[in-house]
C-alpha atoms as a PDB file:
ATOM      1  CA  MET A   1       0.000   0.000   0.000  1.00  0.00           C
ATOM      2  CA  ASN A   2       1.452   3.326  -1.029  1.00  0.00           C
ATOM      3  CA  HIS A   3       1.686   6.366   1.204  1.00  0.00           C
ATOM      4  CA  THR A   4      -1.295   8.192  -0.365  1.00  0.00           C
ATOM      5  CA  LYS A   5      -3.676   5.240   0.108  1.00  0.00           C
ATOM      6  CA  THR A   6      -2.547   4.911   3.732  1.00  0.00           C
ATOM      7  CA  ILE A   7      -3.413   8.544   4.418  1.00  0.00           C
ATOM      8  CA  LYS A   8      -6.838   8.191   2.766  1.00  0.00           C
ATOM      9  CA  LEU A   9      -7.631   5.049   4.773  1.00  0.00           C
ATOM     10  CA  ALA A  10      -6.580   6.683   8.010  1.00  0.00           C
ATOM     11  CA  SER A  11      -8.698   9.713   7.234  1.00  0.00           C
ATOM     12  CA  THR A  12     -11.731   7.519   6.507  1.00  0.00           C
ATOM     13  CA  LEU A  13     -11.277   5.556   9.734  1.00  0.00           C
ATOM     14  CA  PHE A  14     -10.927   8.789  11.714  1.00  0.00           C
ATOM     15  CA  PHE A  15     -14.135  10.177  10.159  1.00  0.00           C
ATOM     16  CA  VAL A  16     -16.077   6.996  10.948  1.00  0.00           C
ATOM     17  CA  LEU A  17     -14.822   6.942  14.527  1.00  0.00           C
ATOM     18  CA  ALA A  18     -15.655  10.627  14.967  1.00  0.00           C
ATOM     19  CA  LEU A  19     -19.153  10.050  13.596  1.00  0.00           C
ATOM     20  CA  VAL A  20     -19.755   7.082  15.903  1.00  0.00           C
ATOM     21  CA  LEU A  21     -18.452   9.084  18.843  1.00  0.00           C
ATOM     22  CA  ALA A  22     -20.672  12.054  17.962  1.00  0.00           C
ATOM     23  CA  VAL A  23     -23.761   9.844  17.744  1.00  0.00           C
ATOM     24  CA  PHE A  24     -22.882   8.208  21.062  1.00  0.00           C
ATOM     25  CA  VAL A  25     -22.272  11.517  22.825  1.00  0.00           C
ATOM     26  CA  SER A  26     -25.417  12.996  21.303  1.00  0.00           C
ATOM     27  CA  GLY A  27     -27.446  10.017  22.481  1.00  0.00           C
ATOM     28  CA  CYS A  28     -26.044  10.275  25.978  1.00  0.00           C
ATOM     29  CA  THR A  29     -26.703  13.995  26.053  1.00  0.00           C
ATOM     30  CA  GLU A  30     -30.299  13.523  24.910  1.00  0.00           C
ATOM     31  CA  ASP A  31     -30.814  10.727  27.454  1.00  0.00           C
ATOM     32  CA  THR A  32     -29.367  12.887  30.217  1.00  0.00           C
ATOM     33  CA  ALA A  33     -31.498  15.853  29.202  1.00  0.00           C
ATOM     34  CA  GLN A  34     -34.588  13.664  29.145  1.00  0.00           C
ATOM     35  CA  GLN A  35     -33.744  12.212  32.553  1.00  0.00           C
ATOM     36  CA  ASN A  36     -33.177  15.702  33.977  1.00  0.00           C
ATOM     37  CA  GLU A  37     -36.502  16.874  32.558  1.00  0.00           C
ATOM     38  CA  GLU A  38     -38.315  13.870  34.003  1.00  0.00           C
ATOM     39  CA  GLN A  39     -36.704  14.445  37.396  1.00  0.00           C
ATOM     40  CA  ALA A  40     -37.670  18.119  37.291  1.00  0.00           C
ATOM     41  CA  ASN A  41     -41.267  17.212  36.458  1.00  0.00           C
ATOM     42  CA  ASN A  42     -41.535  14.577  39.186  1.00  0.00           C
ATOM     43  CA  ILE A  43     -43.285  15.807  42.338  1.00  0.00           C
ATOM     44  CA  THR A  44     -43.417  14.029  45.653  1.00  0.00           C
ATOM     45  CA  GLU A  45     -45.624  16.309  47.745  1.00  0.00           C
ATOM     46  CA  LEU A  46     -48.783  18.369  47.458  1.00  0.00           C
ATOM     47  CA  THR A  47     -50.085  21.210  49.588  1.00  0.00           C
ATOM     48  CA  PHE A  48     -53.823  21.788  50.033  1.00  0.00           C
ATOM     49  CA  GLY A  49     -55.577  24.904  51.265  1.00  0.00           C
ATOM     50  CA  TYR A  50     -58.906  24.775  53.096  1.00  0.00           C
ATOM     51  CA  GLN A  51     -61.117  26.729  55.501  1.00  0.00           C
ATOM     52  CA  PRO A  52     -62.816  26.051  58.876  1.00  0.00           C
ATOM     53  CA  SER A  53     -66.292  25.353  57.490  1.00  0.00           C
ATOM     54  CA  THR A  54     -68.549  22.319  57.242  1.00  0.00           C
ATOM     55  CA  HIS A  55     -68.763  23.210  53.556  1.00  0.00           C
ATOM     56  CA  GLN A  56     -65.322  21.648  53.091  1.00  0.00           C
ATOM     57  CA  ILE A  57     -65.556  18.463  55.134  1.00  0.00           C
ATOM     58  CA  ALA A  58     -64.714  16.412  52.022  1.00  0.00           C
ATOM     59  CA  TYR A  59     -61.092  17.531  52.304  1.00  0.00           C
ATOM     60  CA  MET A  60     -61.010  16.733  56.027  1.00  0.00           C
ATOM     61  CA  THR A  61     -62.605  13.308  55.548  1.00  0.00           C
ATOM     62  CA  ALA A  62     -60.100  12.289  52.872  1.00  0.00           C
ATOM     63  CA  LYS A  63     -57.311  13.499  55.157  1.00  0.00           C
ATOM     64  CA  GLU A  64     -58.657  11.703  58.240  1.00  0.00           C
ATOM     65  CA  LYS A  65     -59.159   8.466  56.303  1.00  0.00           C
ATOM     66  CA  GLY A  66     -55.697   8.673  54.772  1.00  0.00           C
ATOM     67  CA  TRP A  67     -57.183   8.632  51.280  1.00  0.00           C
ATOM     68  CA  TRP A  68     -55.154  11.517  49.880  1.00  0.00           C
ATOM     69  CA  LEU A  69     -51.867   9.748  50.495  1.00  0.00           C
ATOM     70  CA  GLU A  70     -53.216   6.280  49.747  1.00  0.00           C
ATOM     71  CA  ASP A  71     -54.712   7.289  46.394  1.00  0.00           C
ATOM     72  CA  LEU A  72     -51.871   9.566  45.264  1.00  0.00           C
ATOM     73  CA  LYS A  73     -48.946   7.374  46.327  1.00  0.00           C
ATOM     74  CA  PRO A  74     -48.971   5.411  43.019  1.00  0.00           C
ATOM     75  CA  TYR A  75     -48.248   8.735  41.275  1.00  0.00           C
ATOM     76  CA  GLY A  76     -45.160   9.423  43.391  1.00  0.00           C
ATOM     77  CA  ILE A  77     -46.766  11.582  46.083  1.00  0.00           C
ATOM     78  CA  VAL A  78     -45.350  10.715  49.498  1.00  0.00           C
ATOM     79  CA  THR A  79     -46.241  13.855  51.494  1.00  0.00           C
ATOM     80  CA  ILE A  80     -49.528  15.755  51.872  1.00  0.00           C
ATOM     81  CA  ASN A  81     -49.368  19.191  53.515  1.00  0.00           C
ATOM     82  CA  ASP A  82     -52.182  21.622  54.216  1.00  0.00           C
ATOM     83  CA  ASN A  83     -52.730  25.212  55.273  1.00  0.00           C
ATOM     84  CA  LEU A  84     -55.852  26.557  56.978  1.00  0.00           C
ATOM     85  CA  PHE A  85     -57.190  29.945  55.844  1.00  0.00           C
ATOM     86  CA  PRO A  86     -59.924  32.080  57.431  1.00  0.00           C
ATOM     87  CA  THR A  87     -61.406  33.140  54.065  1.00  0.00           C
ATOM     88  CA  GLY A  88     -60.819  32.780  50.334  1.00  0.00           C
ATOM     89  CA  ALA A  89     -58.829  35.958  49.616  1.00  0.00           C
ATOM     90  CA  PRO A  90     -55.665  35.008  51.539  1.00  0.00           C
ATOM     91  CA  GLU A  91     -56.003  31.452  50.278  1.00  0.00           C
ATOM     92  CA  MET A  92     -55.935  32.663  46.676  1.00  0.00           C
ATOM     93  CA  GLN A  93     -52.950  34.914  47.408  1.00  0.00           C
ATOM     94  CA  SER A  94     -51.145  31.849  48.710  1.00  0.00           C
ATOM     95  CA  MET A  95     -52.035  29.921  45.559  1.00  0.00           C
ATOM     96  CA  ILE A  96     -50.858  32.780  43.337  1.00  0.00           C
ATOM     97  CA  GLY A  97     -47.557  32.669  45.243  1.00  0.00           C
ATOM     98  CA  GLY A  98     -47.186  28.951  44.536  1.00  0.00           C
ATOM     99  CA  LYS A  99     -47.548  27.941  48.177  1.00  0.00           C
ATOM    100  CA  ILE A 100     -50.565  25.681  47.663  1.00  0.00           C
ATOM    101  CA  ASP A 101     -51.348  23.338  44.780  1.00  0.00           C
ATOM    102  CA  VAL A 102     -54.996  22.557  45.484  1.00  0.00           C
ATOM    103  CA  ALA A 103     -57.558  24.842  47.101  1.00  0.00           C
ATOM    104  CA  TYR A 104     -60.866  24.083  48.747  1.00  0.00           C
ATOM    105  CA  VAL A 105     -62.260  27.588  48.414  1.00  0.00           C
ATOM    106  CA  GLY A 106     -65.286  29.611  47.397  1.00  0.00           C
ATOM    107  CA  ALA A 107     -65.908  30.033  43.674  1.00  0.00           C
ATOM    108  CA  ALA A 108     -66.014  33.832  43.935  1.00  0.00           C
ATOM    109  CA  PRO A 109     -62.435  34.327  45.242  1.00  0.00           C
ATOM    110  CA  VAL A 110     -61.222  32.158  42.373  1.00  0.00           C
ATOM    111  CA  ILE A 111     -62.960  34.506  39.923  1.00  0.00           C
ATOM    112  CA  THR A 112     -61.402  37.604  41.496  1.00  0.00           C
ATOM    113  CA  ALA A 113     -57.923  36.064  41.498  1.00  0.00           C
ATOM    114  CA  LEU A 114     -58.256  34.876  37.888  1.00  0.00           C
ATOM    115  CA  ALA A 115     -59.432  38.262  36.657  1.00  0.00           C
ATOM    116  CA  ASN A 116     -57.259  40.609  38.700  1.00  0.00           C
ATOM    117  CA  ASN A 117     -54.209  38.787  39.979  1.00  0.00           C
ATOM    118  CA  GLY A 118     -53.105  36.411  37.247  1.00  0.00           C
ATOM    119  CA  LEU A 119     -54.055  33.237  39.093  1.00  0.00           C
ATOM    120  CA  ASP A 120     -53.000  30.207  37.034  1.00  0.00           C
ATOM    121  CA  ALA A 121     -55.637  27.671  38.073  1.00  0.00           C
ATOM    122  CA  LYS A 122     -59.019  26.208  37.155  1.00  0.00           C
ATOM    123  CA  ILE A 123     -62.005  24.860  39.057  1.00  0.00           C
ATOM    124  CA  VAL A 124     -62.125  21.098  38.507  1.00  0.00           C
ATOM    125  CA  ALA A 125     -64.934  20.042  40.859  1.00  0.00           C
ATOM    126  CA  ALA A 126     -67.746  21.393  42.993  1.00  0.00           C
ATOM    127  CA  VAL A 127     -67.693  20.980  46.783  1.00  0.00           C
ATOM    128  CA  GLN A 128     -71.130  22.148  47.900  1.00  0.00           C
ATOM    129  CA  ILE A 129     -74.013  24.513  47.186  1.00  0.00           C
ATOM    130  CA  GLN A 130     -75.797  27.039  49.437  1.00  0.00           C
ATOM    131  CA  GLY A 131     -75.092  26.675  53.191  1.00  0.00           C
ATOM    132  CA  SER A 132     -74.719  30.235  54.581  1.00  0.00           C
ATOM    133  CA  ASP A 133     -77.114  32.280  56.756  1.00  0.00           C
ATOM    134  CA  LEU A 134     -77.785  35.924  57.505  1.00  0.00           C
ATOM    135  CA  VAL A 135     -77.902  36.069  61.310  1.00  0.00           C
ATOM    136  CA  LEU A 136     -79.471  39.098  63.016  1.00  0.00           C
ATOM    137  CA  ARG A 137     -79.120  40.139  66.653  1.00  0.00           C
ATOM    138  CA  THR A 138     -81.977  38.736  68.701  1.00  0.00           C
ATOM    139  CA  ASP A 139     -83.109  42.201  69.882  1.00  0.00           C
ATOM    140  CA  LEU A 140     -83.626  43.518  66.331  1.00  0.00           C
ATOM    141  CA  PRO A 141     -86.823  43.014  64.300  1.00  0.00           C
ATOM    142  CA  TYR A 142     -86.862  41.415  60.867  1.00  0.00           C
ATOM    143  CA  GLU A 143     -89.689  41.061  58.397  1.00  0.00           C
ATOM    144  CA  SER A 144     -87.980  42.052  55.117  1.00  0.00           C
ATOM    145  CA  PRO A 145     -84.651  43.355  53.777  1.00  0.00           C
ATOM    146  CA  GLU A 146     -85.919  46.871  54.508  1.00  0.00           C
ATOM    147  CA  ASP A 147     -85.264  46.166  58.181  1.00  0.00           C
ATOM    148  CA  LEU A 148     -81.536  46.004  57.425  1.00  0.00           C
ATOM    149  CA  ARG A 149     -81.253  49.690  56.500  1.00  0.00           C
ATOM    150  CA  GLY A 150     -78.736  51.490  58.674  1.00  0.00           C
ATOM    151  CA  LEU A 151     -77.305  48.292  60.154  1.00  0.00           C
ATOM    152  CA  LYS A 152     -73.722  47.068  60.377  1.00  0.00           C
ATOM    153  CA  ILE A 153     -73.296  43.636  58.771  1.00  0.00           C
ATOM    154  CA  ALA A 154     -70.123  41.562  59.040  1.00  0.00           C
ATOM    155  CA  THR A 155     -69.341  39.029  56.346  1.00  0.00           C
ATOM    156  CA  PHE A 156     -66.318  37.635  54.539  1.00  0.00           C
ATOM    157  CA  PRO A 157     -64.106  40.210  52.751  1.00  0.00           C
ATOM    158  CA  ALA A 158     -64.775  41.681  49.309  1.00  0.00           C
ATOM    159  CA  GLY A 159     -64.772  39.188  46.456  1.00  0.00           C
ATOM    160  CA  THR A 160     -65.833  36.181  48.533  1.00  0.00           C
ATOM    161  CA  ILE A 161     -69.007  34.148  48.014  1.00  0.00           C
ATOM    162  CA  GLN A 162     -70.720  35.687  51.034  1.00  0.00           C
ATOM    163  CA  ASP A 163     -69.787  39.271  50.146  1.00  0.00           C
ATOM    164  CA  THR A 164     -70.827  38.818  46.499  1.00  0.00           C
ATOM    165  CA  LEU A 165     -74.140  37.160  47.372  1.00  0.00           C
ATOM    166  CA  LEU A 166     -75.034  39.620  50.104  1.00  0.00           C
ATOM    167  CA  ARG A 167     -74.358  42.722  48.040  1.00  0.00           C
ATOM    168  CA  ASN A 168     -76.230  41.393  45.021  1.00  0.00           C
ATOM    169  CA  TRP A 169     -79.230  40.328  47.145  1.00  0.00           C
ATOM    170  CA  LEU A 170     -79.370  43.724  48.849  1.00  0.00           C
ATOM    171  CA  LYS A 171     -79.324  45.496  45.468  1.00  0.00           C
ATOM    172  CA  GLU A 172     -82.094  43.242  44.152  1.00  0.00           C
ATOM    173  CA  ASN A 173     -84.186  44.256  47.170  1.00  0.00           C
ATOM    174  CA  GLY A 174     -83.646  47.985  46.757  1.00  0.00           C
ATOM    175  CA  ILE A 175     -80.942  48.329  49.416  1.00  0.00           C
ATOM    176  CA  ASP A 176     -77.765  50.137  48.349  1.00  0.00           C
ATOM    177  CA  PRO A 177     -74.900  48.059  49.812  1.00  0.00           C
ATOM    178  CA  GLU A 178     -72.639  51.109  49.797  1.00  0.00           C
ATOM    179  CA  ASN A 179     -74.913  53.677  51.413  1.00  0.00           C
ATOM    180  CA  ASP A 180     -77.905  52.003  53.091  1.00  0.00           C
ATOM    181  CA  VAL A 181     -75.906  49.531  55.197  1.00  0.00           C
ATOM    182  CA  GLU A 182     -72.328  49.221  56.438  1.00  0.00           C
ATOM    183  CA  ILE A 183     -70.689  45.971  55.346  1.00  0.00           C
ATOM    184  CA  LEU A 184     -67.540  44.976  57.225  1.00  0.00           C
ATOM    185  CA  GLY A 185     -65.164  42.291  55.935  1.00  0.00           C
ATOM    186  CA  MET A 186     -64.116  39.770  58.596  1.00  0.00           C
ATOM    187  CA  GLY A 187     -63.152  36.162  59.071  1.00  0.00           C
ATOM    188  CA  PRO A 188     -65.653  33.852  60.800  1.00  0.00           C
ATOM    189  CA  GLY A 189     -64.072  34.056  64.248  1.00  0.00           C
ATOM    190  CA  ASP A 190     -63.900  37.847  64.262  1.00  0.00           C
ATOM    191  CA  ALA A 191     -67.455  38.148  62.928  1.00  0.00           C
ATOM    192  CA  MET A 192     -68.863  35.858  65.615  1.00  0.00           C
ATOM    193  CA  THR A 193     -67.017  37.825  68.277  1.00  0.00           C
ATOM    194  CA  ALA A 194     -68.305  41.111  66.829  1.00  0.00           C
ATOM    195  CA  ILE A 195     -71.984  40.124  66.946  1.00  0.00           C
ATOM    196  CA  SER A 196     -71.583  38.630  70.433  1.00  0.00           C
ATOM    197  CA  ALA A 197     -70.055  41.920  71.617  1.00  0.00           C
ATOM    198  CA  GLY A 198     -72.743  44.016  69.915  1.00  0.00           C
ATOM    199  CA  GLN A 199     -70.193  45.621  67.593  1.00  0.00           C
ATOM    200  CA  VAL A 200     -72.240  44.619  64.525  1.00  0.00           C
ATOM    201  CA  ASP A 201     -75.958  44.080  64.066  1.00  0.00           C
ATOM    202  CA  ALA A 202     -75.816  41.060  61.790  1.00  0.00           C
ATOM    203  CA  VAL A 203     -73.443  38.584  60.156  1.00  0.00           C
ATOM    204  CA  PHE A 204     -73.644  36.595  56.949  1.00  0.00           C
ATOM    205  CA  LEU A 205     -71.497  33.492  57.391  1.00  0.00           C
ATOM    206  CA  PRO A 206     -71.173  29.893  56.217  1.00  0.00           C
ATOM    207  CA  HIS A 207     -72.137  27.083  58.544  1.00  0.00           C
ATOM    208  CA  PRO A 208     -71.499  26.053  61.241  1.00  0.00           C
ATOM    209  CA  SER A 209     -70.982  29.667  62.462  1.00  0.00           C
ATOM    210  CA  PRO A 210     -74.722  30.584  62.358  1.00  0.00           C
ATOM    211  CA  THR A 211     -75.579  27.643  64.618  1.00  0.00           C
ATOM    212  CA  MET A 212     -72.863  28.624  67.067  1.00  0.00           C
ATOM    213  CA  ILE A 213     -74.191  32.195  67.270  1.00  0.00           C
ATOM    214  CA  GLU A 214     -77.747  30.960  67.812  1.00  0.00           C
ATOM    215  CA  SER A 215     -76.578  28.553  70.518  1.00  0.00           C
ATOM    216  CA  GLU A 216     -75.130  31.512  72.436  1.00  0.00           C
ATOM    217  CA  GLY A 217     -78.473  33.307  72.262  1.00  0.00           C
ATOM    218  CA  VAL A 218     -77.090  36.448  70.643  1.00  0.00           C
ATOM    219  CA  GLY A 219     -78.537  36.042  67.146  1.00  0.00           C
ATOM    220  CA  ARG A 220     -81.059  34.220  64.978  1.00  0.00           C
ATOM    221  CA  SER A 221     -80.946  33.169  61.326  1.00  0.00           C
ATOM    222  CA  VAL A 222     -83.373  35.224  59.241  1.00  0.00           C
ATOM    223  CA  VAL A 223     -82.384  34.469  55.629  1.00  0.00           C
ATOM    224  CA  SER A 224     -80.560  31.451  54.194  1.00  0.00           C
ATOM    225  CA  SER A 225     -78.265  31.863  51.199  1.00  0.00           C
ATOM    226  CA  GLY A 226     -80.476  29.582  49.132  1.00  0.00           C
ATOM    227  CA  GLU A 227     -83.252  32.143  49.540  1.00  0.00           C
ATOM    228  CA  MET A 228     -80.898  34.777  48.154  1.00  0.00           C
ATOM    229  CA  LEU A 229     -79.960  32.622  45.148  1.00  0.00           C
ATOM    230  CA  GLN A 230     -81.339  29.113  44.831  1.00  0.00           C
ATOM    231  CA  ASP A 231     -78.786  26.311  44.349  1.00  0.00           C
ATOM    232  CA  HIS A 232     -75.940  28.813  44.169  1.00  0.00           C
ATOM    233  CA  ALA A 233     -72.358  27.654  43.916  1.00  0.00           C
ATOM    234  CA  CYS A 234     -70.295  27.998  47.037  1.00  0.00           C
ATOM    235  CA  CYS A 235     -67.090  26.033  47.596  1.00  0.00           C
ATOM    236  CA  VAL A 236     -65.078  24.380  44.833  1.00  0.00           C
ATOM    237  CA  VAL A 237     -61.856  22.489  44.222  1.00  0.00           C
ATOM    238  CA  ALA A 238     -59.360  24.670  42.342  1.00  0.00           C
ATOM    239  CA  VAL A 239     -56.117  23.156  41.019  1.00  0.00           C
ATOM    240  CA  SER A 240     -52.993  24.947  39.828  1.00  0.00           C
ATOM    241  CA  GLY A 241     -52.337  25.263  36.121  1.00  0.00           C
ATOM    242  CA  ASP A 242     -48.965  23.586  36.594  1.00  0.00           C
ATOM    243  CA  LEU A 243     -50.610  20.429  37.907  1.00  0.00           C
ATOM    244  CA  ILE A 244     -53.236  20.481  35.168  1.00  0.00           C
ATOM    245  CA  ARG A 245     -50.669  20.838  32.364  1.00  0.00           C
ATOM    246  CA  ASN A 246     -47.834  18.676  33.687  1.00  0.00           C
ATOM    247  CA  HIS A 247     -49.533  16.143  35.972  1.00  0.00           C
ATOM    248  CA  PRO A 248     -53.041  15.478  34.637  1.00  0.00           C
ATOM    249  CA  ASP A 249     -53.017  11.960  36.089  1.00  0.00           C
ATOM    250  CA  ILE A 250     -52.579  13.431  39.575  1.00  0.00           C
ATOM    251  CA  VAL A 251     -55.375  15.947  39.007  1.00  0.00           C
ATOM    252  CA  LYS A 252     -57.707  13.185  37.854  1.00  0.00           C
ATOM    253  CA  GLN A 253     -56.953  11.248  41.035  1.00  0.00           C
ATOM    254  CA  ILE A 254     -57.517  14.343  43.202  1.00  0.00           C
ATOM    255  CA  VAL A 255     -60.976  14.701  41.666  1.00  0.00           C
ATOM    256  CA  GLU A 256     -61.693  10.987  42.120  1.00  0.00           C
ATOM    257  CA  THR A 257     -60.664  11.077  45.787  1.00  0.00           C
ATOM    258  CA  HIS A 258     -62.762  14.206  46.318  1.00  0.00           C
ATOM    259  CA  ILE A 259     -65.806  12.444  44.830  1.00  0.00           C
ATOM    260  CA  ARG A 260     -65.153   9.468  47.110  1.00  0.00           C
ATOM    261  CA  ALA A 261     -65.022  11.687  50.210  1.00  0.00           C
ATOM    262  CA  THR A 262     -68.097  13.672  49.171  1.00  0.00           C
ATOM    263  CA  GLU A 263     -70.180  10.548  48.669  1.00  0.00           C
ATOM    264  CA  TYR A 264     -68.951   9.142  51.984  1.00  0.00           C
ATOM    265  CA  ASN A 265     -70.005  12.280  53.858  1.00  0.00           C
ATOM    266  CA  VAL A 266     -73.459  12.251  52.265  1.00  0.00           C
ATOM    267  CA  GLU A 267     -73.914   8.649  53.413  1.00  0.00           C
ATOM    268  CA  HIS A 268     -72.367   9.195  56.885  1.00  0.00           C
ATOM    269  CA  PRO A 269     -73.312  12.720  58.061  1.00  0.00           C
ATOM    270  CA  ASP A 270     -72.766  11.998  61.766  1.00  0.00           C
ATOM    271  CA  GLU A 271     -69.265  10.721  61.113  1.00  0.00           C
ATOM    272  CA  ALA A 272     -68.629  13.740  58.878  1.00  0.00           C
ATOM    273  CA  ALA A 273     -69.692  15.974  61.771  1.00  0.00           C
ATOM    274  CA  GLN A 274     -67.280  14.178  64.099  1.00  0.00           C
ATOM    275  CA  ILE A 275     -64.422  14.551  61.605  1.00  0.00           C
ATOM    276  CA  PHE A 276     -65.051  18.289  61.371  1.00  0.00           C
ATOM    277  CA  ALA A 277     -65.373  18.638  65.154  1.00  0.00           C
ATOM    278  CA  ASP A 278     -62.059  16.854  65.666  1.00  0.00           C
ATOM    279  CA  ASP A 279     -60.305  18.853  62.950  1.00  0.00           C
ATOM    280  CA  GLN A 280     -61.506  22.245  64.195  1.00  0.00           C
ATOM    281  CA  ASP A 281     -62.010  21.534  67.916  1.00  0.00           C
ATOM    282  CA  TRP A 282     -65.769  22.175  67.812  1.00  0.00           C
ATOM    283  CA  ASP A 283     -68.525  20.611  69.898  1.00  0.00           C
ATOM    284  CA  VAL A 284     -69.764  17.708  67.777  1.00  0.00           C
ATOM    285  CA  GLU A 285     -73.402  18.147  68.834  1.00  0.00           C
ATOM    286  CA  LEU A 286     -73.346  21.743  67.576  1.00  0.00           C
ATOM    287  CA  VAL A 287     -71.882  20.550  64.294  1.00  0.00           C
ATOM    288  CA  LYS A 288     -74.602  17.913  63.931  1.00  0.00           C
ATOM    289  CA  LYS A 289     -77.229  20.541  64.696  1.00  0.00           C
ATOM    290  CA  SER A 290     -75.735  22.822  62.057  1.00  0.00           C
ATOM    291  CA  LEU A 291     -75.950  20.072  59.441  1.00  0.00           C
ATOM    292  CA  THR A 292     -79.658  19.631  60.183  1.00  0.00           C
ATOM    293  CA  GLU A 293     -80.312  23.391  59.998  1.00  0.00           C
ATOM    294  CA  TRP A 294     -78.283  24.503  56.990  1.00  0.00           C
ATOM    295  CA  ASP A 295     -79.717  24.582  53.473  1.00  0.00           C
ATOM    296  CA  GLY A 296     -76.474  23.321  51.957  1.00  0.00           C
ATOM    297  CA  SER A 297     -75.664  20.124  50.078  1.00  0.00           C
ATOM    298  CA  TRP A 298     -72.332  18.419  49.420  1.00  0.00           C
ATOM    299  CA  VAL A 299     -71.853  17.856  45.697  1.00  0.00           C
ATOM    300  CA  ALA A 300     -68.897  17.161  43.409  1.00  0.00           C
ATOM    301  CA  ASP A 301     -70.280  17.636  39.889  1.00  0.00           C
ATOM    302  CA  PRO A 302     -68.965  20.965  38.518  1.00  0.00           C
ATOM    303  CA  HIS A 303     -71.731  21.072  35.904  1.00  0.00           C
ATOM    304  CA  LEU A 304     -74.191  21.832  38.721  1.00  0.00           C
ATOM    305  CA  ILE A 305     -72.498  25.130  39.545  1.00  0.00           C
ATOM    306  CA  VAL A 306     -71.440  26.502  36.169  1.00  0.00           C
ATOM    307  CA  ASN A 307     -74.321  28.917  35.673  1.00  0.00           C
ATOM    308  CA  SER A 308     -74.222  30.496  39.130  1.00  0.00           C
ATOM    309  CA  THR A 309     -70.418  30.739  39.062  1.00  0.00           C
ATOM    310  CA  VAL A 310     -70.467  32.574  35.730  1.00  0.00           C
ATOM    311  CA  ASP A 311     -73.224  34.758  37.218  1.00  0.00           C
ATOM    312  CA  TYR A 312     -70.844  35.620  40.079  1.00  0.00           C
ATOM    313  CA  ALA A 313     -68.350  36.870  37.505  1.00  0.00           C
ATOM    314  CA  GLN A 314     -71.009  39.169  36.067  1.00  0.00           C
ATOM    315  CA  VAL A 315     -72.004  40.394  39.537  1.00  0.00           C
ATOM    316  CA  GLN A 316     -68.369  41.060  40.456  1.00  0.00           C
ATOM    317  CA  TYR A 317     -67.950  42.984  37.216  1.00  0.00           C
ATOM    318  CA  GLU A 318     -71.027  45.105  38.014  1.00  0.00           C
ATOM    319  CA  LEU A 319     -69.727  45.691  41.543  1.00  0.00           C
ATOM    320  CA  GLY A 320     -66.417  46.879  40.105  1.00  0.00           C
ATOM    321  CA  TYR A 321     -64.435  44.038  41.663  1.00  0.00           C
ATOM    322  CA  ILE A 322     -63.126  42.796  38.309  1.00  0.00           C
ATOM    323  CA  SER A 323     -62.427  44.649  35.059  1.00  0.00           C
ATOM    324  CA  LYS A 324     -64.246  42.213  32.768  1.00  0.00           C
ATOM    325  CA  PRO A 325     -66.617  39.245  33.142  1.00  0.00           C
ATOM    326  CA  LEU A 326     -65.157  35.753  32.790  1.00  0.00           C
ATOM    327  CA  THR A 327     -66.519  32.864  30.749  1.00  0.00           C
ATOM    328  CA  GLN A 328     -66.991  29.233  31.688  1.00  0.00           C
ATOM    329  CA  ASP A 329     -63.774  28.316  29.872  1.00  0.00           C
ATOM    330  CA  ASP A 330     -61.877  30.967  31.809  1.00  0.00           C
ATOM    331  CA  ILE A 331     -62.964  29.452  35.108  1.00  0.00           C
ATOM    332  CA  PHE A 332     -63.511  25.695  34.692  1.00  0.00           C
ATOM    333  CA  ASP A 333     -61.771  22.573  33.458  1.00  0.00           C
ATOM    334  CA  MET A 334     -64.465  19.880  33.385  1.00  0.00           C
ATOM    335  CA  SER A 335     -62.340  17.265  31.641  1.00  0.00           C
ATOM    336  CA  PHE A 336     -61.153  15.439  34.759  1.00  0.00           C
ATOM    337  CA  TYR A 337     -64.601  15.047  36.249  1.00  0.00           C
ATOM    338  CA  ASP A 338     -66.062  14.081  32.870  1.00  0.00           C
ATOM    339  CA  ALA A 339     -63.367  11.452  32.300  1.00  0.00           C
ATOM    340  CA  LEU A 340     -64.406   9.786  35.557  1.00  0.00           C
ATOM    341  CA  ASN A 341     -68.110   9.882  34.714  1.00  0.00           C
ATOM    342  CA  GLN A 342     -68.291   8.783  31.091  1.00  0.00           C
END
């Protein structure tokens, strides 16, 4: 073999080896990148937000029974955390900040956060309908909404279910919520203290707070929220956009576990009352009494609450809480519930 042929052969062998090496390195790099992406997308814990109301016992039941961890463990979840919030506004701020992944919360705060604060989340299931009462001091008369003129009424802060419902109902009955009454935003504990101390004349709160106030003899329920708006949406399950986009299997299981807990509570109301009493350190007999007095119902089907939730968006727009009304698609993702109920 002459010198020229030797050089050509060596060059060819070098090119082939370089090509093989490049393919190998490229494959390793792609595999490593894929592994890194998978590791980044893997999650091992979830944080839930909820509130101290019998409206949201489904979350507490699934927690007490160990269902959240049991059902989500096959998807890599090994830790369930939760945070308790007095009302929906701070809960939504926490969700916007990425501190909670799943929220048991009123539909109205979700609307406000979606419209005004860039919340990346959707409602994936209902939790319950109705279930709040307007409670008036026992020494004050009540025959119609006209009797509320000039009174101080404590309810949850602006943008919540209770605030939205109350203001809209007052307007529908010819009472200007800005000028004819004084509405004060408070959490349930502060509102109960305020009416007991005579600092406000009435409160509009979710159960079991109305039953507690009545048991102390300082107030009486005069209007239920279902009388203000029949079958209205109240609490919902909202899930972060990150979970919906990147972990749809986990979201589907969250909805399935929520349905399981909801159905269990409907079938075992006394046990549900005990679970709430233990979780919130309430007297269980008062909780049971509340569940016989409220006009609420535990439900999971989001289709049942679409119309009233979209109506809330319109009401909030008219109240000036949000800059534009939201549509069903802006607020809901029905796909997970529908996939479980085909």
